[in-house]
Amino acid sequence: SYVREAGPQLGLSAVEEENAPPYERVSCGRHG
């Protein structure tokens, strides 16, 4: 819900598909 609400302002994208696989990792990079 946070990504969906704040994503456009913060440059994030939400995965909308209900059956989408979980993310692969949390990555600490230059973009956060």
Full PDB file with SEQRES, HELIX, SHEET, SSBOND, CRYST1, ORIGX, SCALE, CONECT and MASTER records, all heavy atoms in Angstrom:
SEQRES   1 A   32  SER TYR VAL ARG GLU ALA GLY PRO GLN LEU GLY LEU SER          
SEQRES   2 A   32  ALA VAL GLU GLU GLU ASN ALA PRO PRO TYR GLU ARG VAL          
SEQRES   3 A   32  SER CYS GLY ARG HIS GLY                                      
HELIX    1 AA1 TYR A    2  LEU A   10  1                                   9    
CRYST1    1.000    1.000    1.000  90.00  90.00  90.00 P 1           1          
ORIGX1      1.000000  0.000000  0.000000        0.00000                         
ORIGX2      0.000000  1.000000  0.000000        0.00000                         
ORIGX3      0.000000  0.000000  1.000000        0.00000                         
SCALE1      1.000000  0.000000  0.000000        0.00000                         
SCALE2      0.000000  1.000000  0.000000        0.00000                         
SCALE3      0.000000  0.000000  1.000000        0.00000                         
ATOM      1  N   SER A   1       0.824  -1.201   0.000  1.00  0.00           N  
ATOM      2  CA  SER A   1       0.000   0.000   0.000  1.00  0.00           C  
ATOM      3  C   SER A   1       0.862   1.257   0.000  1.00  0.00           C  
ATOM      4  O   SER A   1       0.532   2.253  -0.661  1.00  0.00           O  
ATOM      5  CB  SER A   1      -0.935   0.006   1.216  1.00  0.00           C  
ATOM      6  OG  SER A   1      -0.178  -0.006   2.422  1.00  0.00           O  
ATOM      7  N   TYR A   2       2.003   1.208   0.711  1.00  0.00           N  
ATOM      8  CA  TYR A   2       2.903   2.365   0.749  1.00  0.00           C  
ATOM      9  C   TYR A   2       3.480   2.641  -0.635  1.00  0.00           C  
ATOM     10  O   TYR A   2       3.534   3.786  -1.078  1.00  0.00           O  
ATOM     11  CB  TYR A   2       4.033   2.105   1.740  1.00  0.00           C  
ATOM     12  CG  TYR A   2       5.128   3.142   1.705  1.00  0.00           C  
ATOM     13  CD1 TYR A   2       4.908   4.435   2.166  1.00  0.00           C  
ATOM     14  CD2 TYR A   2       6.389   2.823   1.201  1.00  0.00           C  
ATOM     15  CE1 TYR A   2       5.922   5.389   2.136  1.00  0.00           C  
ATOM     16  CE2 TYR A   2       7.399   3.758   1.165  1.00  0.00           C  
ATOM     17  CZ  TYR A   2       7.164   5.045   1.634  1.00  0.00           C  
ATOM     18  OH  TYR A   2       8.160   5.973   1.591  1.00  0.00           O  
ATOM     19  N   VAL A   3       3.918   1.588  -1.323  1.00  0.00           N  
ATOM     20  CA  VAL A   3       4.473   1.763  -2.664  1.00  0.00           C  
ATOM     21  C   VAL A   3       3.406   2.302  -3.613  1.00  0.00           C  
ATOM     22  O   VAL A   3       3.685   3.168  -4.449  1.00  0.00           O  
ATOM     23  CB  VAL A   3       5.050   0.427  -3.184  1.00  0.00           C  
ATOM     24  CG1 VAL A   3       5.458   0.553  -4.644  1.00  0.00           C  
ATOM     25  CG2 VAL A   3       6.248   0.001  -2.347  1.00  0.00           C  
ATOM     26  N   ARG A   4       2.189   1.813  -3.468  1.00  0.00           N  
ATOM     27  CA  ARG A   4       1.107   2.263  -4.347  1.00  0.00           C  
ATOM     28  C   ARG A   4       0.780   3.741  -4.110  1.00  0.00           C  
ATOM     29  O   ARG A   4       0.519   4.492  -5.052  1.00  0.00           O  
ATOM     30  CB  ARG A   4      -0.132   1.402  -4.114  1.00  0.00           C  
ATOM     31  CG  ARG A   4      -1.257   1.647  -5.128  1.00  0.00           C  
ATOM     32  CD  ARG A   4      -2.430   0.715  -4.868  1.00  0.00           C  
ATOM     33  NE  ARG A   4      -2.074  -0.667  -5.157  1.00  0.00           N  
ATOM     34  CZ  ARG A   4      -1.999  -1.630  -4.243  1.00  0.00           C  
ATOM     35  NH1 ARG A   4      -2.236  -1.359  -2.962  1.00  0.00           N  
ATOM     36  NH2 ARG A   4      -1.685  -2.859  -4.579  1.00  0.00           N  
ATOM     37  N   GLU A   5       0.807   4.161  -2.841  1.00  0.00           N  
ATOM     38  CA  GLU A   5       0.436   5.543  -2.514  1.00  0.00           C  
ATOM     39  C   GLU A   5       1.574   6.527  -2.767  1.00  0.00           C  
ATOM     40  O   GLU A   5       1.375   7.606  -3.310  1.00  0.00           O  
ATOM     41  CB  GLU A   5       0.007   5.623  -1.048  1.00  0.00           C  
ATOM     42  CG  GLU A   5      -1.283   4.866  -0.750  1.00  0.00           C  
ATOM     43  CD  GLU A   5      -1.516   4.707   0.746  1.00  0.00           C  
ATOM     44  OE1 GLU A   5      -0.723   5.291   1.532  1.00  0.00           O  
ATOM     45  OE2 GLU A   5      -2.456   3.998   1.133  1.00  0.00           O  
ATOM     46  N   ALA A   6       2.784   6.153  -2.324  1.00  0.00           N  
ATOM     47  CA  ALA A   6       3.906   7.090  -2.388  1.00  0.00           C  
ATOM     48  C   ALA A   6       4.806   6.863  -3.589  1.00  0.00           C  
ATOM     49  O   ALA A   6       5.674   7.686  -3.866  1.00  0.00           O  
ATOM     50  CB  ALA A   6       4.739   6.983  -1.105  1.00  0.00           C  
ATOM     51  N   GLY A   7       4.596   5.769  -4.302  1.00  0.00           N  
ATOM     52  CA  GLY A   7       5.467   5.412  -5.407  1.00  0.00           C  
ATOM     53  C   GLY A   7       5.673   6.487  -6.452  1.00  0.00           C  
ATOM     54  O   GLY A   7       6.812   6.779  -6.836  1.00  0.00           O  
ATOM     55  N   PRO A   8       4.597   7.107  -6.961  1.00  0.00           N  
ATOM     56  CA  PRO A   8       4.778   8.119  -8.004  1.00  0.00           C  
ATOM     57  C   PRO A   8       5.677   9.274  -7.587  1.00  0.00           C  
ATOM     58  O   PRO A   8       6.440   9.798  -8.397  1.00  0.00           O  
ATOM     59  CB  PRO A   8       3.338   8.599  -8.258  1.00  0.00           C  
ATOM     60  CG  PRO A   8       2.485   7.438  -7.881  1.00  0.00           C  
ATOM     61  CD  PRO A   8       3.177   6.820  -6.698  1.00  0.00           C  
ATOM     62  N   GLN A   9       5.601   9.686  -6.310  1.00  0.00           N  
ATOM     63  CA  GLN A   9       6.425  10.796  -5.848  1.00  0.00           C  
ATOM     64  C   GLN A   9       7.866  10.366  -5.568  1.00  0.00           C  
ATOM     65  O   GLN A   9       8.795  11.157  -5.695  1.00  0.00           O  
ATOM     66  CB  GLN A   9       5.836  11.401  -4.560  1.00  0.00           C  
ATOM     67  CG  GLN A   9       4.542  12.164  -4.759  1.00  0.00           C  
ATOM     68  CD  GLN A   9       3.357  11.231  -4.919  1.00  0.00           C  
ATOM     69  OE1 GLN A   9       3.369  10.122  -4.393  1.00  0.00           O  
ATOM     70  NE2 GLN A   9       2.338  11.662  -5.650  1.00  0.00           N  
ATOM     71  N   LEU A  10       8.054   9.082  -5.192  1.00  0.00           N  
ATOM     72  CA  LEU A  10       9.374   8.626  -4.769  1.00  0.00           C  
ATOM     73  C   LEU A  10      10.078   7.790  -5.824  1.00  0.00           C  
ATOM     74  O   LEU A  10      11.179   7.294  -5.591  1.00  0.00           O  
ATOM     75  CB  LEU A  10       9.258   7.815  -3.470  1.00  0.00           C  
ATOM     76  CG  LEU A  10       8.668   8.570  -2.273  1.00  0.00           C  
ATOM     77  CD1 LEU A  10       8.545   7.645  -1.081  1.00  0.00           C  
ATOM     78  CD2 LEU A  10       9.532   9.775  -1.935  1.00  0.00           C  
ATOM     79  N   GLY A  11       9.436   7.612  -6.973  1.00  0.00           N  
ATOM     80  CA  GLY A  11      10.077   6.850  -8.039  1.00  0.00           C  
ATOM     81  C   GLY A  11      10.035   5.356  -7.828  1.00  0.00           C  
ATOM     82  O   GLY A  11      10.901   4.621  -8.319  1.00  0.00           O  
ATOM     83  N   LEU A  12       9.029   4.871  -7.084  1.00  0.00           N  
ATOM     84  CA  LEU A  12       8.882   3.441  -6.846  1.00  0.00           C  
ATOM     85  C   LEU A  12       7.780   2.897  -7.737  1.00  0.00           C  
ATOM     86  O   LEU A  12       6.915   3.623  -8.198  1.00  0.00           O  
ATOM     87  CB  LEU A  12       8.516   3.173  -5.376  1.00  0.00           C  
ATOM     88  CG  LEU A  12       9.464   3.748  -4.328  1.00  0.00           C  
ATOM     89  CD1 LEU A  12       8.883   3.528  -2.946  1.00  0.00           C  
ATOM     90  CD2 LEU A  12      10.829   3.111  -4.443  1.00  0.00           C  
ATOM     91  N   SER A  13       7.807   1.603  -7.956  1.00  0.00           N  
ATOM     92  CA  SER A  13       6.743   0.973  -8.751  1.00  0.00           C  
ATOM     93  C   SER A  13       6.168  -0.177  -7.970  1.00  0.00           C  
ATOM     94  O   SER A  13       6.883  -0.930  -7.310  1.00  0.00           O  
ATOM     95  CB  SER A  13       7.294   0.458 -10.090  1.00  0.00           C  
ATOM     96  OG  SER A  13       8.324  -0.477  -9.869  1.00  0.00           O  
ATOM     97  N   ALA A  14       4.854  -0.322  -8.026  1.00  0.00           N  
ATOM     98  CA  ALA A  14       4.177  -1.385  -7.294  1.00  0.00           C  
ATOM     99  C   ALA A  14       3.889  -2.556  -8.206  1.00  0.00           C  
ATOM    100  O   ALA A  14       3.618  -2.390  -9.394  1.00  0.00           O  
ATOM    101  CB  ALA A  14       2.859  -0.854  -6.696  1.00  0.00           C  
ATOM    102  N   VAL A  15       3.930  -3.747  -7.640  1.00  0.00           N  
ATOM    103  CA  VAL A  15       3.545  -4.946  -8.385  1.00  0.00           C  
ATOM    104  C   VAL A  15       2.077  -5.200  -8.113  1.00  0.00           C  
ATOM    105  O   VAL A  15       1.678  -5.451  -6.990  1.00  0.00           O  
ATOM    106  CB  VAL A  15       4.392  -6.161  -7.921  1.00  0.00           C  
ATOM    107  CG1 VAL A  15       3.945  -7.412  -8.634  1.00  0.00           C  
ATOM    108  CG2 VAL A  15       5.866  -5.903  -8.179  1.00  0.00           C  
ATOM    109  N   GLU A  16       1.257  -5.116  -9.134  1.00  0.00           N  
ATOM    110  CA  GLU A  16      -0.178  -5.197  -8.948  1.00  0.00           C  
ATOM    111  C   GLU A  16      -0.709  -6.618  -9.037  1.00  0.00           C  
ATOM    112  O   GLU A  16      -1.776  -6.928  -8.542  1.00  0.00           O  
ATOM    113  CB  GLU A  16      -0.894  -4.336 -10.013  1.00  0.00           C  
ATOM    114  CG  GLU A  16      -0.545  -2.853  -9.913  1.00  0.00           C  
ATOM    115  CD  GLU A  16      -1.049  -2.225  -8.629  1.00  0.00           C  
ATOM    116  OE1 GLU A  16      -1.950  -2.797  -7.997  1.00  0.00           O  
ATOM    117  OE2 GLU A  16      -0.525  -1.164  -8.254  1.00  0.00           O  
ATOM    118  N   GLU A  17       0.018  -7.518  -9.709  1.00  0.00           N  
ATOM    119  CA  GLU A  17      -0.511  -8.851  -9.922  1.00  0.00           C  
ATOM    120  C   GLU A  17      -0.642  -9.584  -8.599  1.00  0.00           C  
ATOM    121  O   GLU A  17       0.291  -9.652  -7.818  1.00  0.00           O  
ATOM    122  CB  GLU A  17       0.404  -9.646 -10.857  1.00  0.00           C  
ATOM    123  CG  GLU A  17       0.513  -9.076 -12.270  1.00  0.00           C  
ATOM    124  CD  GLU A  17       1.530  -7.955 -12.372  1.00  0.00           C  
ATOM    125  OE1 GLU A  17       2.074  -7.564 -11.315  1.00  0.00           O  
ATOM    126  OE2 GLU A  17       1.758  -7.470 -13.485  1.00  0.00           O  
ATOM    127  N   GLU A  18      -1.834 -10.180  -8.370  1.00  0.00           N  
ATOM    128  CA  GLU A  18      -2.065 -10.875  -7.124  1.00  0.00           C  
ATOM    129  C   GLU A  18      -1.161 -12.087  -6.968  1.00  0.00           C  
ATOM    130  O   GLU A  18      -0.762 -12.440  -5.875  1.00  0.00           O  
ATOM    131  CB  GLU A  18      -3.548 -11.328  -7.048  1.00  0.00           C  
ATOM    132  CG  GLU A  18      -4.512 -10.165  -6.858  1.00  0.00           C  
ATOM    133  CD  GLU A  18      -4.278  -9.457  -5.527  1.00  0.00           C  
ATOM    134  OE1 GLU A  18      -3.965 -10.129  -4.534  1.00  0.00           O  
ATOM    135  OE2 GLU A  18      -4.397  -8.220  -5.494  1.00  0.00           O  
ATOM    136  N   ASN A  19      -0.846 -12.756  -8.085  1.00  0.00           N  
ATOM    137  CA  ASN A  19      -0.044 -13.968  -8.031  1.00  0.00           C  
ATOM    138  C   ASN A  19       1.423 -13.718  -8.360  1.00  0.00           C  
ATOM    139  O   ASN A  19       2.164 -14.633  -8.713  1.00  0.00           O  
ATOM    140  CB  ASN A  19      -0.608 -15.021  -9.000  1.00  0.00           C  
ATOM    141  CG  ASN A  19      -2.006 -15.455  -8.590  1.00  0.00           C  
ATOM    142  OD1 ASN A  19      -2.287 -15.615  -7.410  1.00  0.00           O  
ATOM    143  ND2 ASN A  19      -2.882 -15.633  -9.570  1.00  0.00           N  
ATOM    144  N   ALA A  20       1.845 -12.450  -8.283  1.00  0.00           N  
ATOM    145  CA  ALA A  20       3.236 -12.134  -8.593  1.00  0.00           C  
ATOM    146  C   ALA A  20       4.147 -12.780  -7.555  1.00  0.00           C  
ATOM    147  O   ALA A  20       3.807 -12.882  -6.380  1.00  0.00           O  
ATOM    148  CB  ALA A  20       3.454 -10.628  -8.597  1.00  0.00           C  
ATOM    149  N   PRO A  21       5.336 -13.248  -7.968  1.00  0.00           N  
ATOM    150  CA  PRO A  21       6.256 -13.873  -7.014  1.00  0.00           C  
ATOM    151  C   PRO A  21       6.812 -12.840  -6.053  1.00  0.00           C  
ATOM    152  O   PRO A  21       6.828 -11.648  -6.349  1.00  0.00           O  
ATOM    153  CB  PRO A  21       7.366 -14.434  -7.915  1.00  0.00           C  
ATOM    154  CG  PRO A  21       7.339 -13.551  -9.131  1.00  0.00           C  
ATOM    155  CD  PRO A  21       5.893 -13.183  -9.330  1.00  0.00           C  
ATOM    156  N   PRO A  22       7.255 -13.286  -4.873  1.00  0.00           N  
ATOM    157  CA  PRO A  22       7.864 -12.343  -3.929  1.00  0.00           C  
ATOM    158  C   PRO A  22       9.160 -11.804  -4.491  1.00  0.00           C  
ATOM    159  O   PRO A  22       9.748 -12.381  -5.397  1.00  0.00           O  
ATOM    160  CB  PRO A  22       8.127 -13.203  -2.686  1.00  0.00           C  
ATOM    161  CG  PRO A  22       8.236 -14.594  -3.221  1.00  0.00           C  
ATOM    162  CD  PRO A  22       7.279 -14.657  -4.383  1.00  0.00           C  
ATOM    163  N   TYR A  23       9.602 -10.659  -3.946  1.00  0.00           N  
ATOM    164  CA  TYR A  23      10.820 -10.050  -4.441  1.00  0.00           C  
ATOM    165  C   TYR A  23      12.011 -10.965  -4.188  1.00  0.00           C  
ATOM    166  O   TYR A  23      11.982 -11.855  -3.351  1.00  0.00           O  
ATOM    167  CB  TYR A  23      11.039  -8.689  -3.776  1.00  0.00           C  
ATOM    168  CG  TYR A  23      11.357  -8.755  -2.312  1.00  0.00           C  
ATOM    169  CD1 TYR A  23      12.669  -8.940  -1.885  1.00  0.00           C  
ATOM    170  CD2 TYR A  23      10.367  -8.657  -1.361  1.00  0.00           C  
ATOM    171  CE1 TYR A  23      12.981  -9.000  -0.556  1.00  0.00           C  
ATOM    172  CE2 TYR A  23      10.677  -8.734  -0.023  1.00  0.00           C  
ATOM    173  CZ  TYR A  23      11.976  -8.896   0.377  1.00  0.00           C  
ATOM    174  OH  TYR A  23      12.272  -8.963   1.706  1.00  0.00           O  
ATOM    175  N   GLU A  24      13.075 -10.731  -4.920  1.00  0.00           N  
ATOM    176  CA  GLU A  24      14.251 -11.574  -4.805  1.00  0.00           C  
ATOM    177  C   GLU A  24      15.149 -11.172  -3.638  1.00  0.00           C  
ATOM    178  O   GLU A  24      15.771 -12.008  -3.021  1.00  0.00           O  
ATOM    179  CB  GLU A  24      15.081 -11.503  -6.107  1.00  0.00           C  
ATOM    180  CG  GLU A  24      14.399 -12.175  -7.275  1.00  0.00           C  
ATOM    181  CD  GLU A  24      14.226 -13.676  -7.054  1.00  0.00           C  
ATOM    182  OE1 GLU A  24      15.085 -14.290  -6.404  1.00  0.00           O  
ATOM    183  OE2 GLU A  24      13.222 -14.221  -7.513  1.00  0.00           O  
ATOM    184  N   ARG A  25      15.196  -9.888  -3.331  1.00  0.00           N  
ATOM    185  CA  ARG A  25      16.079  -9.462  -2.255  1.00  0.00           C  
ATOM    186  C   ARG A  25      15.778  -8.011  -1.891  1.00  0.00           C  
ATOM    187  O   ARG A  25      15.123  -7.301  -2.627  1.00  0.00           O  
ATOM    188  CB  ARG A  25      17.550  -9.567  -2.658  1.00  0.00           C  
ATOM    189  CG  ARG A  25      17.957  -8.615  -3.766  1.00  0.00           C  
ATOM    190  CD  ARG A  25      19.374  -8.892  -4.249  1.00  0.00           C  
ATOM    191  NE  ARG A  25      19.802  -7.941  -5.261  1.00  0.00           N  
ATOM    192  CZ  ARG A  25      19.474  -7.990  -6.532  1.00  0.00           C  
ATOM    193  NH1 ARG A  25      18.688  -8.950  -6.972  1.00  0.00           N  
ATOM    194  NH2 ARG A  25      19.915  -7.096  -7.387  1.00  0.00           N  
ATOM    195  N   VAL A  26      16.283  -7.598  -0.744  1.00  0.00           N  
ATOM    196  CA  VAL A  26      16.335  -6.187  -0.399  1.00  0.00           C  
ATOM    197  C   VAL A  26      17.738  -5.722  -0.734  1.00  0.00           C  
ATOM    198  O   VAL A  26      18.713  -6.255  -0.227  1.00  0.00           O  
ATOM    199  CB  VAL A  26      16.036  -5.953   1.093  1.00  0.00           C  
ATOM    200  CG1 VAL A  26      16.213  -4.488   1.435  1.00  0.00           C  
ATOM    201  CG2 VAL A  26      14.621  -6.384   1.417  1.00  0.00           C  
ATOM    202  N   SER A  27      17.845  -4.736  -1.617  1.00  0.00           N  
ATOM    203  CA  SER A  27      19.154  -4.313  -2.110  1.00  0.00           C  
ATOM    204  C   SER A  27      19.484  -2.928  -1.576  1.00  0.00           C  
ATOM    205  O   SER A  27      18.677  -2.007  -1.670  1.00  0.00           O  
ATOM    206  CB  SER A  27      19.147  -4.272  -3.643  1.00  0.00           C  
ATOM    207  OG  SER A  27      20.332  -3.718  -4.136  1.00  0.00           O  
ATOM    208  N   CYS A  28      20.691  -2.782  -1.020  1.00  0.00           N  
ATOM    209  CA  CYS A  28      21.159  -1.495  -0.509  1.00  0.00           C  
ATOM    210  C   CYS A  28      22.099  -0.898  -1.543  1.00  0.00           C  
ATOM    211  O   CYS A  28      23.273  -1.230  -1.603  1.00  0.00           O  
ATOM    212  CB  CYS A  28      21.868  -1.682   0.822  1.00  0.00           C  
ATOM    213  SG  CYS A  28      22.355  -0.160   1.605  1.00  0.00           S  
ATOM    214  N   GLY A  29      21.583  -0.010  -2.386  1.00  0.00           N  
ATOM    215  CA  GLY A  29      22.379   0.573  -3.456  1.00  0.00           C  
ATOM    216  C   GLY A  29      22.324   2.081  -3.441  1.00  0.00           C  
ATOM    217  O   GLY A  29      21.820   2.685  -2.506  1.00  0.00           O  
ATOM    218  N   ARG A  30      22.823   2.697  -4.495  1.00  0.00           N  
ATOM    219  CA  ARG A  30      22.914   4.161  -4.528  1.00  0.00           C  
ATOM    220  C   ARG A  30      21.543   4.818  -4.562  1.00  0.00           C  
ATOM    221  O   ARG A  30      21.385   5.972  -4.220  1.00  0.00           O  
ATOM    222  CB  ARG A  30      23.745   4.621  -5.726  1.00  0.00           C  
ATOM    223  CG  ARG A  30      23.071   4.449  -7.059  1.00  0.00           C  
ATOM    224  CD  ARG A  30      23.973   4.914  -8.198  1.00  0.00           C  
ATOM    225  NE  ARG A  30      24.268   6.333  -8.082  1.00  0.00           N  
ATOM    226  CZ  ARG A  30      23.494   7.288  -8.586  1.00  0.00           C  
ATOM    227  NH1 ARG A  30      22.371   6.990  -9.231  1.00  0.00           N  
ATOM    228  NH2 ARG A  30      23.838   8.555  -8.490  1.00  0.00           N  
ATOM    229  N   HIS A  31      20.528   4.080  -4.954  1.00  0.00           N  
ATOM    230  CA  HIS A  31      19.191   4.644  -4.986  1.00  0.00           C  
ATOM    231  C   HIS A  31      18.363   4.236  -3.778  1.00  0.00           C  
ATOM    232  O   HIS A  31      17.154   4.354  -3.790  1.00  0.00           O  
ATOM    233  CB  HIS A  31      18.470   4.228  -6.270  1.00  0.00           C  
ATOM    234  CG  HIS A  31      19.084   4.819  -7.505  1.00  0.00           C  
ATOM    235  ND1 HIS A  31      19.163   6.173  -7.703  1.00  0.00           N  
ATOM    236  CD2 HIS A  31      19.686   4.234  -8.562  1.00  0.00           C  
ATOM    237  CE1 HIS A  31      19.769   6.413  -8.868  1.00  0.00           C  
ATOM    238  NE2 HIS A  31      20.102   5.249  -9.405  1.00  0.00           N  
ATOM    239  N   GLY A  32      19.025   3.729  -2.755  1.00  0.00           N  
ATOM    240  CA  GLY A  32      18.314   3.464  -1.520  1.00  0.00           C  
ATOM    241  C   GLY A  32      18.085   1.992  -1.278  1.00  0.00           C  
ATOM    242  O   GLY A  32      18.675   1.128  -1.919  1.00  0.00           O  
TER     243      GLY A  32                                                      
MASTER        0    0    0    1    0    0    0    6  242    1    0    3          
END                                                                             
